[in-house]
Every structure is written in C-alpha cells, then in structure tokens.
Amino acid sequence: MTPVNRNRLVALGALLVAGAGLAFIAFGNIGDNLVYYWSPSELLSNGDKAYSATIRLGGVVQPGSIQWNEAHTTLEFRVADDAKPESKSVHVRSLETPPQMFREKIGVVVEGTYDQTGIFTSNRLMVNHSNEYRAPKEGEAPRQWQDTLAEGATTATVTPPGAP
C-alpha cells in the first residue's frame, strides 16, 4: 500500500469514527427525552404501571364535568377519549388556575400522577387550540374567563378530599 492510499484510508477511518460519535451524541439518548402521552383508555387499562409515575394524559374535556373552586383554586374535570358521554374517562384534579382557553370539549394534555383512588393529580395543564389569535373585544375583561368557567361548571364549589 502506498503512503498516499494509507493516508486516505486513515482519513476515511477518522471521518467515520467522528461521524459515528456525532450520531451517537445527537441520537443516542433521544428516547430519554421524548415524552409521550397516554389516552384515558390506555391509562385505565394499564393503571398498575401508571401509579405514582409522572405521566402525560391527553384527551378531551368531557361536557358537564368541570368543577371550579375559586376559593381553593382547585379545578376538577374528566378527560375522555372523545366528547361522547359513553367514552372512558379519567377524573383529573388540578391545583392551578386553568389556561384562559380551557372549556368543555377542548383537547387537553395534563401532566401529573395517577393514584390508586382513580384520581389524576395534575401539576401542568395544556390546551389544544388553533394558531389564530383573537384580540379581546371592546369592554371584555381579561379575567372574564373565570365567569364563563363558573357558568359552565356543574358545581360551584368542590370540597377537597379529607376536608370536613
């Protein structure tokens, strides 16, 4: 083998090793960073695997299930596979103020933990929405969503578990 061919072979080998190292850095741990969400049907059928683990649950807010307690800023609702009343659903409790666009029949993804009592406690609530922005109408209060949330709620107050 001539020195020129040997240099080309060494350069090609070094290039392949560098490319493999770069590919491993870029794609090697990508599975650890991907977060998938479960549907309510998947969560209910695999409940044992989900207990006490941080997971994401995605679905549609079931009509007539929203309960907002303004005094405790507690939001409770049911997430179903779709908006049909007969769909499997999961009871969700969120301890934060919901996004402004939160309402019945809207797609949501909640992140939190599922316990053995069948309640999904959420520490993050995200809603699906279109990419169109609608500016508030003249005279519309920025916090007017709280009034519409209370109007759409089936119960105005919720007693937290363990409270007298």
N, C-alpha and C. Protein backbone atom coordinates (compact mmCIF):
# COMPACT_ATOMS: atom_id res chain seq x y z
N MET A 1 0.85 -1.16 0.00
CA MET A 1 0.00 0.00 0.00
C MET A 1 0.90 1.23 0.00
N THR A 2 0.56 2.15 -0.86
CA THR A 2 1.37 3.36 -0.97
C THR A 2 1.02 4.33 0.16
N PRO A 3 1.93 5.22 0.49
CA PRO A 3 1.66 6.18 1.57
C PRO A 3 0.43 7.06 1.30
N VAL A 4 0.16 7.38 0.07
CA VAL A 4 -1.00 8.22 -0.26
C VAL A 4 -2.28 7.46 0.05
N ASN A 5 -2.34 6.18 -0.36
CA ASN A 5 -3.53 5.37 -0.08
C ASN A 5 -3.70 5.16 1.43
N ARG A 6 -2.58 4.97 2.14
CA ARG A 6 -2.65 4.78 3.59
C ARG A 6 -3.20 6.04 4.26
N ASN A 7 -2.75 7.22 3.83
CA ASN A 7 -3.25 8.48 4.38
C ASN A 7 -4.75 8.65 4.11
N ARG A 8 -5.18 8.28 2.90
CA ARG A 8 -6.60 8.36 2.57
C ARG A 8 -7.42 7.40 3.44
N LEU A 9 -6.90 6.21 3.65
CA LEU A 9 -7.60 5.22 4.47
C LEU A 9 -7.70 5.68 5.93
N VAL A 10 -6.62 6.26 6.46
CA VAL A 10 -6.64 6.77 7.84
C VAL A 10 -7.62 7.94 7.94
N ALA A 11 -7.62 8.84 6.96
CA ALA A 11 -8.54 9.98 6.98
C ALA A 11 -9.99 9.50 6.89
N LEU A 12 -10.26 8.51 6.05
CA LEU A 12 -11.61 7.96 5.93
C LEU A 12 -12.04 7.29 7.24
N GLY A 13 -11.14 6.54 7.86
CA GLY A 13 -11.45 5.91 9.16
C GLY A 13 -11.73 6.94 10.24
N ALA A 14 -10.91 7.99 10.30
CA ALA A 14 -11.12 9.04 11.29
C ALA A 14 -12.45 9.75 11.05
N LEU A 15 -12.78 9.97 9.79
CA LEU A 15 -14.04 10.61 9.45
C LEU A 15 -15.23 9.73 9.85
N LEU A 16 -15.14 8.44 9.63
CA LEU A 16 -16.20 7.52 10.03
C LEU A 16 -16.37 7.46 11.55
N VAL A 17 -15.27 7.43 12.28
CA VAL A 17 -15.33 7.41 13.75
C VAL A 17 -15.94 8.71 14.26
N ALA A 18 -15.53 9.84 13.69
CA ALA A 18 -16.09 11.14 14.11
C ALA A 18 -17.59 11.21 13.79
N GLY A 19 -17.98 10.72 12.62
CA GLY A 19 -19.40 10.72 12.24
C GLY A 19 -20.22 9.83 13.15
N ALA A 20 -19.70 8.65 13.50
CA ALA A 20 -20.41 7.75 14.41
C ALA A 20 -20.53 8.37 15.80
N GLY A 21 -19.48 9.03 16.27
CA GLY A 21 -19.53 9.70 17.57
C GLY A 21 -20.55 10.83 17.58
N LEU A 22 -20.58 11.61 16.52
CA LEU A 22 -21.54 12.70 16.41
C LEU A 22 -22.98 12.16 16.35
N ALA A 23 -23.19 11.09 15.60
CA ALA A 23 -24.52 10.48 15.52
C ALA A 23 -24.97 9.95 16.88
N PHE A 24 -24.05 9.35 17.64
CA PHE A 24 -24.40 8.85 18.96
C PHE A 24 -24.77 9.98 19.91
N ILE A 25 -24.01 11.06 19.86
CA ILE A 25 -24.31 12.21 20.72
C ILE A 25 -25.67 12.81 20.34
N ALA A 26 -25.94 12.91 19.04
CA ALA A 26 -27.18 13.53 18.59
C ALA A 26 -28.40 12.64 18.82
N PHE A 27 -28.27 11.34 18.57
CA PHE A 27 -29.44 10.46 18.59
C PHE A 27 -29.39 9.37 19.64
N GLY A 28 -28.30 9.22 20.34
CA GLY A 28 -28.14 8.11 21.28
C GLY A 28 -29.12 8.11 22.42
N ASN A 29 -29.40 9.25 23.01
CA ASN A 29 -30.29 9.32 24.16
C ASN A 29 -31.60 10.02 23.83
N ILE A 30 -31.98 10.02 22.59
CA ILE A 30 -33.19 10.75 22.20
C ILE A 30 -34.43 10.13 22.83
N GLY A 31 -34.43 8.82 23.05
CA GLY A 31 -35.58 8.17 23.67
C GLY A 31 -35.83 8.63 25.08
N ASP A 32 -34.78 9.02 25.80
CA ASP A 32 -34.94 9.50 27.17
C ASP A 32 -35.59 10.89 27.21
N ASN A 33 -35.48 11.63 26.12
CA ASN A 33 -36.00 12.99 26.10
C ASN A 33 -37.39 13.10 25.49
N LEU A 34 -37.88 12.03 24.86
CA LEU A 34 -39.21 12.06 24.27
C LEU A 34 -40.24 11.75 25.35
N VAL A 35 -41.30 12.53 25.39
CA VAL A 35 -42.36 12.30 26.36
C VAL A 35 -43.65 12.09 25.58
N TYR A 36 -44.21 10.91 25.71
CA TYR A 36 -45.46 10.59 25.05
C TYR A 36 -46.60 10.76 26.04
N TYR A 37 -47.81 10.89 25.53
CA TYR A 37 -48.94 10.93 26.45
C TYR A 37 -49.84 9.73 26.21
N TRP A 38 -50.57 9.36 27.26
CA TRP A 38 -51.49 8.24 27.20
C TRP A 38 -52.90 8.77 27.01
N SER A 39 -53.72 7.98 26.34
CA SER A 39 -55.15 8.31 26.26
C SER A 39 -55.81 7.78 27.53
N PRO A 40 -57.00 8.25 27.87
CA PRO A 40 -57.69 7.71 29.05
C PRO A 40 -57.88 6.20 28.99
N SER A 41 -58.18 5.65 27.82
CA SER A 41 -58.34 4.19 27.69
C SER A 41 -57.05 3.47 28.03
N GLU A 42 -55.93 3.98 27.52
CA GLU A 42 -54.63 3.36 27.82
C GLU A 42 -54.30 3.46 29.30
N LEU A 43 -54.58 4.59 29.91
CA LEU A 43 -54.29 4.77 31.33
C LEU A 43 -55.13 3.81 32.17
N LEU A 44 -56.41 3.69 31.86
CA LEU A 44 -57.27 2.81 32.64
C LEU A 44 -56.92 1.34 32.45
N SER A 45 -56.48 0.96 31.26
CA SER A 45 -56.12 -0.45 31.03
C SER A 45 -54.74 -0.79 31.59
N ASN A 46 -53.87 0.20 31.76
CA ASN A 46 -52.52 -0.04 32.30
C ASN A 46 -52.32 0.70 33.61
N GLY A 47 -53.34 0.83 34.41
CA GLY A 47 -53.28 1.62 35.63
C GLY A 47 -52.16 1.23 36.57
N ASP A 48 -51.88 -0.08 36.71
CA ASP A 48 -50.83 -0.51 37.63
C ASP A 48 -49.47 0.07 37.26
N LYS A 49 -49.19 0.21 35.97
CA LYS A 49 -47.91 0.75 35.53
C LYS A 49 -47.82 2.26 35.76
N ALA A 50 -48.98 2.90 35.86
CA ALA A 50 -49.00 4.36 35.94
C ALA A 50 -49.03 4.90 37.35
N TYR A 51 -49.33 4.07 38.34
CA TYR A 51 -49.45 4.58 39.70
C TYR A 51 -48.16 5.24 40.15
N SER A 52 -48.26 6.45 40.62
CA SER A 52 -47.17 7.24 41.21
C SER A 52 -46.09 7.65 40.22
N ALA A 53 -46.23 7.33 38.95
CA ALA A 53 -45.25 7.75 37.94
C ALA A 53 -45.73 9.07 37.32
N THR A 54 -44.81 9.93 36.96
CA THR A 54 -45.18 11.17 36.28
C THR A 54 -45.44 10.85 34.82
N ILE A 55 -46.66 11.08 34.39
CA ILE A 55 -47.05 10.79 33.01
C ILE A 55 -47.86 11.95 32.45
N ARG A 56 -48.10 11.88 31.15
CA ARG A 56 -48.97 12.84 30.48
C ARG A 56 -50.21 12.10 30.01
N LEU A 57 -51.34 12.75 30.19
CA LEU A 57 -52.63 12.20 29.79
C LEU A 57 -53.25 13.16 28.80
N GLY A 58 -53.66 12.66 27.64
CA GLY A 58 -54.24 13.51 26.62
C GLY A 58 -55.63 13.06 26.25
N GLY A 59 -56.53 14.00 26.04
CA GLY A 59 -57.89 13.68 25.65
C GLY A 59 -58.72 14.94 25.54
N VAL A 60 -60.04 14.76 25.67
CA VAL A 60 -60.99 15.84 25.53
C VAL A 60 -61.71 16.05 26.86
N VAL A 61 -61.91 17.31 27.25
CA VAL A 61 -62.64 17.61 28.48
C VAL A 61 -64.10 17.22 28.27
N GLN A 62 -64.57 16.32 29.11
CA GLN A 62 -65.93 15.80 28.98
C GLN A 62 -66.96 16.87 29.35
N PRO A 63 -67.99 17.06 28.53
CA PRO A 63 -69.02 18.06 28.82
C PRO A 63 -69.71 17.80 30.16
N GLY A 64 -69.95 18.86 30.90
CA GLY A 64 -70.65 18.76 32.17
C GLY A 64 -69.81 18.28 33.33
N SER A 65 -68.51 18.16 33.14
CA SER A 65 -67.67 17.60 34.20
C SER A 65 -66.82 18.63 34.93
N ILE A 66 -66.82 19.88 34.48
CA ILE A 66 -65.94 20.89 35.06
C ILE A 66 -66.49 21.37 36.40
N GLN A 67 -65.63 21.32 37.42
CA GLN A 67 -65.96 21.83 38.74
C GLN A 67 -64.82 22.75 39.17
N TRP A 68 -65.14 24.02 39.41
CA TRP A 68 -64.12 25.02 39.73
C TRP A 68 -64.39 25.57 41.12
N ASN A 69 -63.40 25.49 41.98
CA ASN A 69 -63.50 26.04 43.33
C ASN A 69 -62.56 27.24 43.38
N GLU A 70 -63.12 28.42 43.25
CA GLU A 70 -62.30 29.63 43.18
C GLU A 70 -61.56 29.89 44.49
N ALA A 71 -62.19 29.56 45.61
CA ALA A 71 -61.56 29.82 46.92
C ALA A 71 -60.28 29.01 47.10
N HIS A 72 -60.27 27.78 46.61
CA HIS A 72 -59.09 26.93 46.76
C HIS A 72 -58.29 26.81 45.46
N THR A 73 -58.70 27.55 44.43
CA THR A 73 -58.14 27.41 43.08
C THR A 73 -57.94 25.94 42.72
N THR A 74 -58.99 25.18 42.89
CA THR A 74 -58.98 23.76 42.54
C THR A 74 -59.91 23.55 41.36
N LEU A 75 -59.39 22.91 40.34
CA LEU A 75 -60.17 22.60 39.16
C LEU A 75 -60.28 21.10 39.04
N GLU A 76 -61.48 20.59 38.90
CA GLU A 76 -61.69 19.16 38.69
C GLU A 76 -62.53 18.98 37.44
N PHE A 77 -62.16 17.99 36.64
CA PHE A 77 -62.88 17.69 35.41
C PHE A 77 -62.55 16.27 34.99
N ARG A 78 -63.21 15.80 33.95
CA ARG A 78 -62.95 14.46 33.43
C ARG A 78 -62.38 14.59 32.02
N VAL A 79 -61.34 13.81 31.75
CA VAL A 79 -60.73 13.75 30.42
C VAL A 79 -61.13 12.43 29.80
N ALA A 80 -61.68 12.49 28.59
CA ALA A 80 -62.15 11.29 27.90
C ALA A 80 -61.44 11.16 26.56
N ASP A 81 -61.61 9.98 25.95
CA ASP A 81 -61.02 9.76 24.62
C ASP A 81 -61.63 10.71 23.60
N ASP A 82 -62.93 10.95 23.71
CA ASP A 82 -63.61 11.91 22.87
C ASP A 82 -64.74 12.55 23.67
N ALA A 83 -65.50 13.43 23.05
CA ALA A 83 -66.51 14.20 23.78
C ALA A 83 -67.81 13.43 24.02
N LYS A 84 -67.89 12.18 23.59
CA LYS A 84 -69.12 11.40 23.78
C LYS A 84 -69.26 11.01 25.25
N PRO A 85 -70.48 11.05 25.79
CA PRO A 85 -70.68 10.74 27.21
C PRO A 85 -70.31 9.31 27.60
N GLU A 86 -70.41 8.38 26.67
CA GLU A 86 -70.11 6.98 26.99
C GLU A 86 -68.62 6.62 26.90
N SER A 87 -67.79 7.58 26.54
CA SER A 87 -66.35 7.32 26.43
C SER A 87 -65.73 7.08 27.80
N LYS A 88 -64.68 6.27 27.82
CA LYS A 88 -63.93 6.06 29.06
C LYS A 88 -63.28 7.39 29.45
N SER A 89 -63.32 7.69 30.74
CA SER A 89 -62.77 8.98 31.18
C SER A 89 -62.02 8.82 32.49
N VAL A 90 -61.17 9.80 32.76
CA VAL A 90 -60.34 9.82 33.97
C VAL A 90 -60.64 11.12 34.71
N HIS A 91 -60.81 11.02 36.02
CA HIS A 91 -61.04 12.19 36.88
C HIS A 91 -59.70 12.91 37.07
N VAL A 92 -59.66 14.20 36.77
CA VAL A 92 -58.44 15.00 36.88
C VAL A 92 -58.65 16.11 37.90
N ARG A 93 -57.67 16.31 38.75
CA ARG A 93 -57.68 17.40 39.73
C ARG A 93 -56.44 18.25 39.47
N SER A 94 -56.66 19.54 39.25
CA SER A 94 -55.56 20.47 39.01
C SER A 94 -55.60 21.55 40.08
N LEU A 95 -54.45 21.86 40.65
CA LEU A 95 -54.37 22.83 41.73
C LEU A 95 -53.86 24.19 41.26
N GLU A 96 -54.04 24.46 39.99
CA GLU A 96 -53.61 25.75 39.47
C GLU A 96 -54.73 26.37 38.65
N THR A 97 -54.62 27.65 38.40
CA THR A 97 -55.61 28.34 37.60
C THR A 97 -55.51 27.84 36.16
N PRO A 98 -56.63 27.47 35.55
CA PRO A 98 -56.58 26.92 34.20
C PRO A 98 -56.24 27.98 33.16
N PRO A 99 -55.76 27.55 32.00
CA PRO A 99 -55.49 28.50 30.92
C PRO A 99 -56.78 29.19 30.49
N GLN A 100 -56.64 30.34 29.90
CA GLN A 100 -57.79 31.15 29.51
C GLN A 100 -58.69 30.42 28.52
N MET A 101 -58.15 29.57 27.69
CA MET A 101 -58.93 28.89 26.67
C MET A 101 -59.56 27.59 27.16
N PHE A 102 -59.39 27.24 28.40
CA PHE A 102 -59.92 25.99 28.93
C PHE A 102 -61.45 26.03 28.94
N ARG A 103 -62.06 24.96 28.41
CA ARG A 103 -63.52 24.84 28.38
C ARG A 103 -63.88 23.39 28.07
N GLU A 104 -65.17 23.10 28.07
CA GLU A 104 -65.64 21.76 27.73
C GLU A 104 -65.35 21.46 26.26
N LYS A 105 -65.16 20.20 25.96
CA LYS A 105 -64.95 19.68 24.60
C LYS A 105 -63.66 20.18 23.95
N ILE A 106 -62.71 20.68 24.73
CA ILE A 106 -61.44 21.11 24.16
C ILE A 106 -60.39 20.04 24.45
N GLY A 107 -59.47 19.86 23.53
CA GLY A 107 -58.40 18.90 23.74
C GLY A 107 -57.42 19.41 24.78
N VAL A 108 -57.01 18.54 25.68
CA VAL A 108 -56.06 18.91 26.73
C VAL A 108 -54.99 17.84 26.87
N VAL A 109 -53.85 18.25 27.38
CA VAL A 109 -52.80 17.34 27.83
C VAL A 109 -52.46 17.78 29.24
N VAL A 110 -52.59 16.84 30.18
CA VAL A 110 -52.28 17.14 31.58
C VAL A 110 -51.10 16.28 32.00
N GLU A 111 -50.22 16.87 32.77
CA GLU A 111 -49.04 16.15 33.27
C GLU A 111 -49.15 16.05 34.78
N GLY A 112 -48.93 14.85 35.30
CA GLY A 112 -49.02 14.66 36.74
C GLY A 112 -48.94 13.19 37.10
N THR A 113 -49.61 12.83 38.20
CA THR A 113 -49.55 11.45 38.69
C THR A 113 -50.96 10.89 38.85
N TYR A 114 -51.06 9.59 38.67
CA TYR A 114 -52.32 8.85 38.79
C TYR A 114 -52.22 8.00 40.04
N ASP A 115 -53.23 8.09 40.89
CA ASP A 115 -53.17 7.30 42.13
C ASP A 115 -54.19 6.17 42.12
N GLN A 116 -54.14 5.33 43.12
CA GLN A 116 -54.97 4.14 43.17
C GLN A 116 -56.44 4.44 43.46
N THR A 117 -56.75 5.67 43.84
CA THR A 117 -58.15 6.05 44.03
C THR A 117 -58.81 6.43 42.71
N GLY A 118 -58.03 6.47 41.62
CA GLY A 118 -58.57 6.79 40.31
C GLY A 118 -58.55 8.27 39.99
N ILE A 119 -57.79 9.05 40.75
CA ILE A 119 -57.70 10.49 40.51
C ILE A 119 -56.33 10.82 39.93
N PHE A 120 -56.33 11.57 38.85
CA PHE A 120 -55.11 12.04 38.22
C PHE A 120 -54.86 13.46 38.73
N THR A 121 -53.80 13.64 39.51
CA THR A 121 -53.46 14.96 40.06
C THR A 121 -52.49 15.63 39.11
N SER A 122 -52.92 16.75 38.55
CA SER A 122 -52.16 17.43 37.52
C SER A 122 -51.37 18.60 38.09
N ASN A 123 -50.12 18.72 37.66
CA ASN A 123 -49.33 19.89 38.00
C ASN A 123 -49.07 20.77 36.78
N ARG A 124 -49.59 20.33 35.62
CA ARG A 124 -49.48 21.12 34.39
C ARG A 124 -50.68 20.81 33.51
N LEU A 125 -51.32 21.84 33.01
CA LEU A 125 -52.49 21.70 32.15
C LEU A 125 -52.26 22.50 30.88
N MET A 126 -52.32 21.82 29.74
CA MET A 126 -52.13 22.48 28.45
C MET A 126 -53.36 22.21 27.60
N VAL A 127 -53.80 23.20 26.84
CA VAL A 127 -54.95 23.03 25.97
C VAL A 127 -54.52 23.07 24.51
N ASN A 128 -55.22 22.31 23.68
CA ASN A 128 -55.01 22.38 22.24
C ASN A 128 -55.85 23.53 21.72
N HIS A 129 -55.30 24.30 20.83
CA HIS A 129 -56.04 25.42 20.27
C HIS A 129 -55.51 25.72 18.89
N SER A 130 -56.25 26.53 18.15
CA SER A 130 -55.81 26.89 16.82
C SER A 130 -54.69 27.92 16.92
N ASN A 131 -54.08 28.20 15.79
CA ASN A 131 -52.99 29.17 15.80
C ASN A 131 -53.47 30.59 15.56
N GLU A 132 -54.78 30.80 15.55
CA GLU A 132 -55.33 32.13 15.33
C GLU A 132 -55.52 32.84 16.66
N TYR A 133 -55.10 34.08 16.71
CA TYR A 133 -55.27 34.89 17.91
C TYR A 133 -56.44 35.83 17.71
N ARG A 134 -57.32 35.89 18.70
CA ARG A 134 -58.44 36.82 18.67
C ARG A 134 -58.23 37.81 19.80
N ALA A 135 -58.10 39.06 19.44
CA ALA A 135 -57.92 40.10 20.46
C ALA A 135 -59.20 40.24 21.27
N PRO A 136 -59.09 40.62 22.55
CA PRO A 136 -60.30 40.82 23.36
C PRO A 136 -61.20 41.88 22.72
N LYS A 137 -62.50 41.64 22.81
CA LYS A 137 -63.46 42.60 22.27
C LYS A 137 -63.53 43.82 23.19
N GLU A 138 -64.04 44.90 22.65
CA GLU A 138 -64.19 46.14 23.41
C GLU A 138 -65.02 45.89 24.66
N GLY A 139 -64.47 46.22 25.82
CA GLY A 139 -65.19 46.05 27.08
C GLY A 139 -65.06 44.67 27.70
N GLU A 140 -64.36 43.75 27.04
CA GLU A 140 -64.20 42.40 27.58
C GLU A 140 -63.07 42.41 28.60
N ALA A 141 -63.35 41.93 29.79
CA ALA A 141 -62.35 41.92 30.85
C ALA A 141 -61.37 40.78 30.62
N PRO A 142 -60.08 40.99 30.92
CA PRO A 142 -59.10 39.92 30.72
C PRO A 142 -59.40 38.67 31.53
N ARG A 143 -60.03 38.81 32.67
CA ARG A 143 -60.32 37.65 33.52
C ARG A 143 -61.76 37.18 33.38
N GLN A 144 -62.40 37.55 32.29
CA GLN A 144 -63.80 37.17 32.09
C GLN A 144 -63.94 35.66 31.95
N TRP A 145 -62.88 34.96 31.63
CA TRP A 145 -62.93 33.50 31.50
C TRP A 145 -63.34 32.85 32.80
N GLN A 146 -63.00 33.47 33.94
CA GLN A 146 -63.39 32.87 35.22
C GLN A 146 -64.91 32.83 35.35
N ASP A 147 -65.58 33.89 34.88
CA ASP A 147 -67.04 33.90 34.93
C ASP A 147 -67.62 32.82 34.03
N THR A 148 -67.08 32.67 32.82
CA THR A 148 -67.59 31.64 31.93
C THR A 148 -67.26 30.26 32.45
N LEU A 149 -66.14 30.11 33.12
CA LEU A 149 -65.80 28.83 33.71
C LEU A 149 -66.78 28.49 34.82
N ALA A 150 -67.11 29.47 35.65
CA ALA A 150 -68.06 29.23 36.73
C ALA A 150 -69.45 28.96 36.18
N GLU A 151 -69.84 29.63 35.08
CA GLU A 151 -71.15 29.40 34.49
C GLU A 151 -71.26 27.99 33.92
N GLY A 152 -70.17 27.50 33.31
CA GLY A 152 -70.20 26.18 32.70
C GLY A 152 -69.99 25.05 33.69
N ALA A 153 -69.63 25.38 34.91
CA ALA A 153 -69.36 24.34 35.91
C ALA A 153 -70.66 23.72 36.39
N THR A 154 -70.60 22.43 36.67
CA THR A 154 -71.78 21.74 37.19
C THR A 154 -71.93 22.00 38.67
N THR A 155 -70.85 22.27 39.36
CA THR A 155 -70.88 22.58 40.79
C THR A 155 -69.96 23.76 41.02
N ALA A 156 -70.42 24.73 41.79
CA ALA A 156 -69.62 25.93 42.00
C ALA A 156 -68.49 25.71 42.99
N THR A 157 -68.67 24.81 43.94
CA THR A 157 -67.62 24.56 44.92
C THR A 157 -67.32 23.08 44.99
N VAL A 158 -66.10 22.79 45.31
CA VAL A 158 -65.64 21.41 45.45
C VAL A 158 -65.00 21.28 46.81
N THR A 159 -65.37 20.28 47.55
CA THR A 159 -64.75 20.04 48.85
C THR A 159 -63.57 19.12 48.64
N PRO A 160 -62.35 19.55 48.97
CA PRO A 160 -61.18 18.70 48.79
C PRO A 160 -61.29 17.45 49.65
N PRO A 161 -60.69 16.32 49.21
CA PRO A 161 -60.73 15.10 50.00
C PRO A 161 -60.10 15.33 51.37
N GLY A 162 -60.71 14.80 52.40
CA GLY A 162 -60.19 14.91 53.75
C GLY A 162 -60.64 16.17 54.46
N ALA A 163 -61.33 17.08 53.74
CA ALA A 163 -61.80 18.31 54.38
C ALA A 163 -63.14 18.02 55.07
N PRO A 164 -63.42 18.70 56.18
CA PRO A 164 -64.69 18.46 56.88
C PRO A 164 -65.89 18.97 56.11
